[in-house]
Every structure is written in structure tokens, then in C-alpha cells.
Amino acid sequence: MLHVRVRPGASRSEVLGWEGETLRVCVTSPPEEGRATRAVAALLAAALGVPPSSVELVRGGAARDKFFRVRGLDPAGLKARLGKESSR
């Protein structure tokens, strides 16, 4: 599973990098009615080069910390495609 910390309502959507085992992202969508969660799933799919249907929310639909499963990629593959850990 991929642990993601989300900052909704940002000025632009982007993958910020790793903080330990947590991937930090920001999305422009507001945290209302699942909009930010859907935006994060789309951002992850684009960043990983997988179809959006491969990215599934497992836990944290209404929370800032979310857990996603990405079909077809193991944890090492996720890290390789998303870059190395940041020093933060």
C-alpha cells in the first residue's frame, strides 16, 4: 500500500516527494465530496504511468492521510517511479 499525505486546495497539483515512507502531494481540488481524493488518484496514475483504474483508495477517504493500492506495482516499483525519499 502507498501512504499519501494530501494538501488539498493548493495552487497547483503535484507530487512533492517522500517524507520517510509517506508520499506528499498537493492537489487543487477542495476537500469536498471526495474531489480531492479523486484528484489524488488521477495524479498518482499520471505520475506512475498506469491507468486510473489501477489506483484504488483503500483507507482515508475523508482524511488527509490516505492509503492507496496500485495494481501491477510493488513497493520498490512505486519508489522507483516516484523518485527517492526526500530528506525532510
N, C-alpha and C. Protein backbone atom coordinates (compact mmCIF):
# COMPACT_ATOMS: atom_id res chain seq x y z
N MET A 1 0.84 -1.19 0.00
CA MET A 1 0.00 0.00 0.00
C MET A 1 0.87 1.24 0.00
N LEU A 2 0.34 2.27 -0.57
CA LEU A 2 1.05 3.54 -0.68
C LEU A 2 0.40 4.55 0.27
N HIS A 3 1.17 5.04 1.24
CA HIS A 3 0.69 6.05 2.19
C HIS A 3 0.95 7.42 1.59
N VAL A 4 -0.13 8.20 1.46
CA VAL A 4 -0.06 9.52 0.84
C VAL A 4 -0.60 10.57 1.81
N ARG A 5 0.13 11.64 2.01
CA ARG A 5 -0.35 12.79 2.77
C ARG A 5 -0.73 13.88 1.77
N VAL A 6 -1.99 14.33 1.87
CA VAL A 6 -2.55 15.23 0.86
C VAL A 6 -2.73 16.63 1.42
N ARG A 7 -2.39 17.62 0.58
CA ARG A 7 -2.72 19.02 0.87
C ARG A 7 -3.69 19.48 -0.21
N PRO A 8 -4.99 19.50 0.12
CA PRO A 8 -5.99 19.92 -0.86
C PRO A 8 -6.06 21.44 -0.97
N GLY A 9 -6.66 21.91 -2.06
CA GLY A 9 -6.85 23.35 -2.24
C GLY A 9 -5.57 24.11 -2.53
N ALA A 10 -4.56 23.43 -3.06
CA ALA A 10 -3.28 24.08 -3.37
C ALA A 10 -3.38 24.87 -4.67
N SER A 11 -2.37 25.66 -4.95
CA SER A 11 -2.37 26.46 -6.17
C SER A 11 -2.10 25.61 -7.41
N ARG A 12 -1.46 24.44 -7.23
CA ARG A 12 -1.26 23.51 -8.34
C ARG A 12 -1.16 22.08 -7.81
N SER A 13 -1.47 21.14 -8.67
CA SER A 13 -1.39 19.73 -8.30
C SER A 13 -0.01 19.20 -8.65
N GLU A 14 0.63 18.57 -7.67
CA GLU A 14 1.96 18.00 -7.91
C GLU A 14 2.33 17.00 -6.83
N VAL A 15 3.26 16.13 -7.20
CA VAL A 15 3.87 15.20 -6.25
C VAL A 15 5.06 15.94 -5.66
N LEU A 16 5.05 16.13 -4.34
CA LEU A 16 6.11 16.89 -3.68
C LEU A 16 7.33 16.05 -3.34
N GLY A 17 7.12 14.76 -3.08
CA GLY A 17 8.23 13.88 -2.74
C GLY A 17 7.94 13.06 -1.51
N TRP A 18 8.94 12.34 -1.10
CA TRP A 18 8.82 11.41 0.03
C TRP A 18 9.23 12.08 1.33
N GLU A 19 8.52 11.75 2.37
CA GLU A 19 8.88 12.11 3.74
C GLU A 19 8.85 10.80 4.51
N GLY A 20 10.01 10.17 4.62
CA GLY A 20 10.06 8.83 5.19
C GLY A 20 9.38 7.87 4.24
N GLU A 21 8.37 7.16 4.72
CA GLU A 21 7.61 6.21 3.91
C GLU A 21 6.33 6.82 3.37
N THR A 22 6.14 8.12 3.57
CA THR A 22 4.91 8.80 3.15
C THR A 22 5.19 9.68 1.95
N LEU A 23 4.36 9.55 0.92
CA LEU A 23 4.45 10.40 -0.26
C LEU A 23 3.61 11.64 -0.02
N ARG A 24 4.19 12.81 -0.20
CA ARG A 24 3.47 14.07 -0.03
C ARG A 24 3.03 14.60 -1.38
N VAL A 25 1.74 14.95 -1.48
CA VAL A 25 1.19 15.51 -2.72
C VAL A 25 0.29 16.69 -2.38
N CYS A 26 0.09 17.55 -3.36
CA CYS A 26 -0.90 18.61 -3.20
C CYS A 26 -1.76 18.62 -4.47
N VAL A 27 -3.03 18.94 -4.28
CA VAL A 27 -3.97 18.99 -5.39
C VAL A 27 -4.78 20.28 -5.30
N THR A 28 -5.24 20.75 -6.44
CA THR A 28 -6.01 21.99 -6.48
C THR A 28 -7.45 21.78 -6.02
N SER A 29 -7.93 20.57 -6.09
CA SER A 29 -9.32 20.29 -5.74
C SER A 29 -9.56 20.51 -4.25
N PRO A 30 -10.77 20.98 -3.90
CA PRO A 30 -11.09 21.18 -2.49
C PRO A 30 -11.42 19.85 -1.81
N PRO A 31 -11.31 19.82 -0.49
CA PRO A 31 -11.61 18.59 0.24
C PRO A 31 -13.11 18.43 0.48
N GLU A 32 -13.87 18.45 -0.60
CA GLU A 32 -15.33 18.36 -0.50
C GLU A 32 -15.84 17.24 -1.39
N GLU A 33 -16.71 16.42 -0.86
CA GLU A 33 -17.41 15.39 -1.62
C GLU A 33 -16.46 14.48 -2.39
N GLY A 34 -15.30 14.21 -1.83
CA GLY A 34 -14.34 13.29 -2.45
C GLY A 34 -13.57 13.85 -3.63
N ARG A 35 -13.69 15.15 -3.88
CA ARG A 35 -12.99 15.74 -5.04
C ARG A 35 -11.48 15.63 -4.91
N ALA A 36 -10.96 15.94 -3.73
CA ALA A 36 -9.50 15.87 -3.54
C ALA A 36 -9.01 14.42 -3.67
N THR A 37 -9.75 13.48 -3.15
CA THR A 37 -9.36 12.07 -3.23
C THR A 37 -9.31 11.62 -4.69
N ARG A 38 -10.30 11.99 -5.47
CA ARG A 38 -10.30 11.64 -6.90
C ARG A 38 -9.14 12.31 -7.63
N ALA A 39 -8.84 13.55 -7.25
CA ALA A 39 -7.72 14.26 -7.88
C ALA A 39 -6.39 13.59 -7.53
N VAL A 40 -6.24 13.13 -6.30
CA VAL A 40 -5.01 12.44 -5.90
C VAL A 40 -4.86 11.14 -6.69
N ALA A 41 -5.93 10.39 -6.83
CA ALA A 41 -5.87 9.13 -7.57
C ALA A 41 -5.45 9.40 -9.02
N ALA A 42 -6.01 10.43 -9.63
CA ALA A 42 -5.65 10.78 -11.01
C ALA A 42 -4.20 11.23 -11.11
N LEU A 43 -3.75 12.03 -10.14
CA LEU A 43 -2.37 12.50 -10.12
C LEU A 43 -1.40 11.32 -9.97
N LEU A 44 -1.72 10.39 -9.08
CA LEU A 44 -0.86 9.22 -8.88
C LEU A 44 -0.80 8.38 -10.15
N ALA A 45 -1.94 8.16 -10.79
CA ALA A 45 -1.96 7.37 -12.02
C ALA A 45 -1.08 8.01 -13.08
N ALA A 46 -1.18 9.31 -13.24
CA ALA A 46 -0.37 10.02 -14.23
C ALA A 46 1.12 9.94 -13.88
N ALA A 47 1.45 10.15 -12.61
CA ALA A 47 2.86 10.14 -12.18
C ALA A 47 3.47 8.74 -12.31
N LEU A 48 2.65 7.72 -12.11
CA LEU A 48 3.15 6.34 -12.16
C LEU A 48 3.07 5.74 -13.56
N GLY A 49 2.36 6.39 -14.46
CA GLY A 49 2.21 5.86 -15.80
C GLY A 49 1.33 4.63 -15.87
N VAL A 50 0.30 4.60 -15.03
CA VAL A 50 -0.65 3.49 -15.03
C VAL A 50 -2.05 4.01 -15.32
N PRO A 51 -2.96 3.15 -15.73
CA PRO A 51 -4.33 3.60 -15.95
C PRO A 51 -4.97 4.03 -14.62
N PRO A 52 -5.85 5.01 -14.64
CA PRO A 52 -6.52 5.44 -13.40
C PRO A 52 -7.25 4.31 -12.69
N SER A 53 -7.73 3.33 -13.43
CA SER A 53 -8.43 2.20 -12.81
C SER A 53 -7.50 1.33 -11.97
N SER A 54 -6.19 1.49 -12.11
CA SER A 54 -5.22 0.71 -11.32
C SER A 54 -4.98 1.29 -9.94
N VAL A 55 -5.42 2.53 -9.71
CA VAL A 55 -5.19 3.20 -8.43
C VAL A 55 -6.48 3.14 -7.62
N GLU A 56 -6.42 2.47 -6.47
CA GLU A 56 -7.60 2.24 -5.65
C GLU A 56 -7.39 2.77 -4.23
N LEU A 57 -8.33 3.57 -3.76
CA LEU A 57 -8.28 4.05 -2.37
C LEU A 57 -8.65 2.89 -1.45
N VAL A 58 -7.81 2.64 -0.45
CA VAL A 58 -8.05 1.56 0.50
C VAL A 58 -8.58 2.12 1.81
N ARG A 59 -8.01 3.26 2.23
CA ARG A 59 -8.38 3.82 3.54
C ARG A 59 -8.11 5.32 3.53
N GLY A 60 -8.97 6.09 4.21
CA GLY A 60 -8.72 7.50 4.41
C GLY A 60 -9.47 8.43 3.48
N GLY A 61 -10.64 8.03 3.02
CA GLY A 61 -11.40 8.85 2.09
C GLY A 61 -11.66 10.26 2.56
N ALA A 62 -11.86 10.45 3.85
CA ALA A 62 -12.16 11.78 4.39
C ALA A 62 -11.01 12.34 5.22
N ALA A 63 -9.84 11.74 5.09
CA ALA A 63 -8.69 12.14 5.91
C ALA A 63 -7.58 12.71 5.03
N ARG A 64 -6.68 13.43 5.63
CA ARG A 64 -5.52 13.96 4.92
C ARG A 64 -4.53 12.85 4.59
N ASP A 65 -4.44 11.85 5.46
CA ASP A 65 -3.58 10.69 5.22
C ASP A 65 -4.41 9.60 4.57
N LYS A 66 -4.01 9.20 3.37
CA LYS A 66 -4.76 8.21 2.60
C LYS A 66 -3.84 7.05 2.24
N PHE A 67 -4.45 5.91 2.04
CA PHE A 67 -3.72 4.71 1.64
C PHE A 67 -4.30 4.21 0.33
N PHE A 68 -3.43 4.07 -0.68
CA PHE A 68 -3.83 3.62 -2.00
C PHE A 68 -3.14 2.31 -2.33
N ARG A 69 -3.82 1.50 -3.10
CA ARG A 69 -3.23 0.29 -3.67
C ARG A 69 -3.10 0.56 -5.17
N VAL A 70 -1.94 0.25 -5.71
CA VAL A 70 -1.70 0.41 -7.14
C VAL A 70 -1.46 -0.98 -7.71
N ARG A 71 -2.42 -1.44 -8.49
CA ARG A 71 -2.29 -2.78 -9.09
C ARG A 71 -1.16 -2.79 -10.11
N GLY A 72 -0.37 -3.85 -10.05
CA GLY A 72 0.70 -4.03 -11.02
C GLY A 72 2.05 -3.49 -10.59
N LEU A 73 2.10 -2.80 -9.45
CA LEU A 73 3.38 -2.27 -8.96
C LEU A 73 3.61 -2.68 -7.51
N ASP A 74 4.81 -3.17 -7.23
CA ASP A 74 5.17 -3.47 -5.86
C ASP A 74 5.78 -2.21 -5.22
N PRO A 75 6.03 -2.23 -3.91
CA PRO A 75 6.58 -1.03 -3.26
C PRO A 75 7.87 -0.52 -3.89
N ALA A 76 8.75 -1.41 -4.31
CA ALA A 76 10.00 -0.98 -4.94
C ALA A 76 9.71 -0.30 -6.28
N GLY A 77 8.75 -0.82 -7.02
CA GLY A 77 8.37 -0.21 -8.29
C GLY A 77 7.76 1.17 -8.10
N LEU A 78 6.97 1.33 -7.04
CA LEU A 78 6.39 2.63 -6.73
C LEU A 78 7.48 3.65 -6.45
N LYS A 79 8.42 3.27 -5.59
CA LYS A 79 9.50 4.20 -5.24
C LYS A 79 10.36 4.55 -6.45
N ALA A 80 10.61 3.56 -7.30
CA ALA A 80 11.43 3.81 -8.48
C ALA A 80 10.75 4.80 -9.42
N ARG A 81 9.44 4.68 -9.58
CA ARG A 81 8.73 5.59 -10.50
C ARG A 81 8.47 6.97 -9.91
N LEU A 82 8.38 7.04 -8.58
CA LEU A 82 8.06 8.32 -7.93
C LEU A 82 9.28 9.03 -7.38
N GLY A 83 10.45 8.46 -7.53
CA GLY A 83 11.66 9.11 -7.04
C GLY A 83 12.05 8.62 -5.67
N LYS A 84 13.21 9.02 -5.27
CA LYS A 84 13.75 8.58 -3.97
C LYS A 84 13.20 9.41 -2.84
N GLU A 85 13.45 8.93 -1.63
CA GLU A 85 12.99 9.62 -0.43
C GLU A 85 13.63 10.99 -0.31
N SER A 86 12.84 11.92 0.19
CA SER A 86 13.42 13.24 0.48
C SER A 86 14.03 13.22 1.87
N SER A 87 14.77 14.22 2.18
CA SER A 87 15.45 14.26 3.49
C SER A 87 14.59 14.91 4.56
N ARG A 88 13.37 15.33 4.20
CA ARG A 88 12.51 16.00 5.19
C ARG A 88 12.05 15.09 6.27
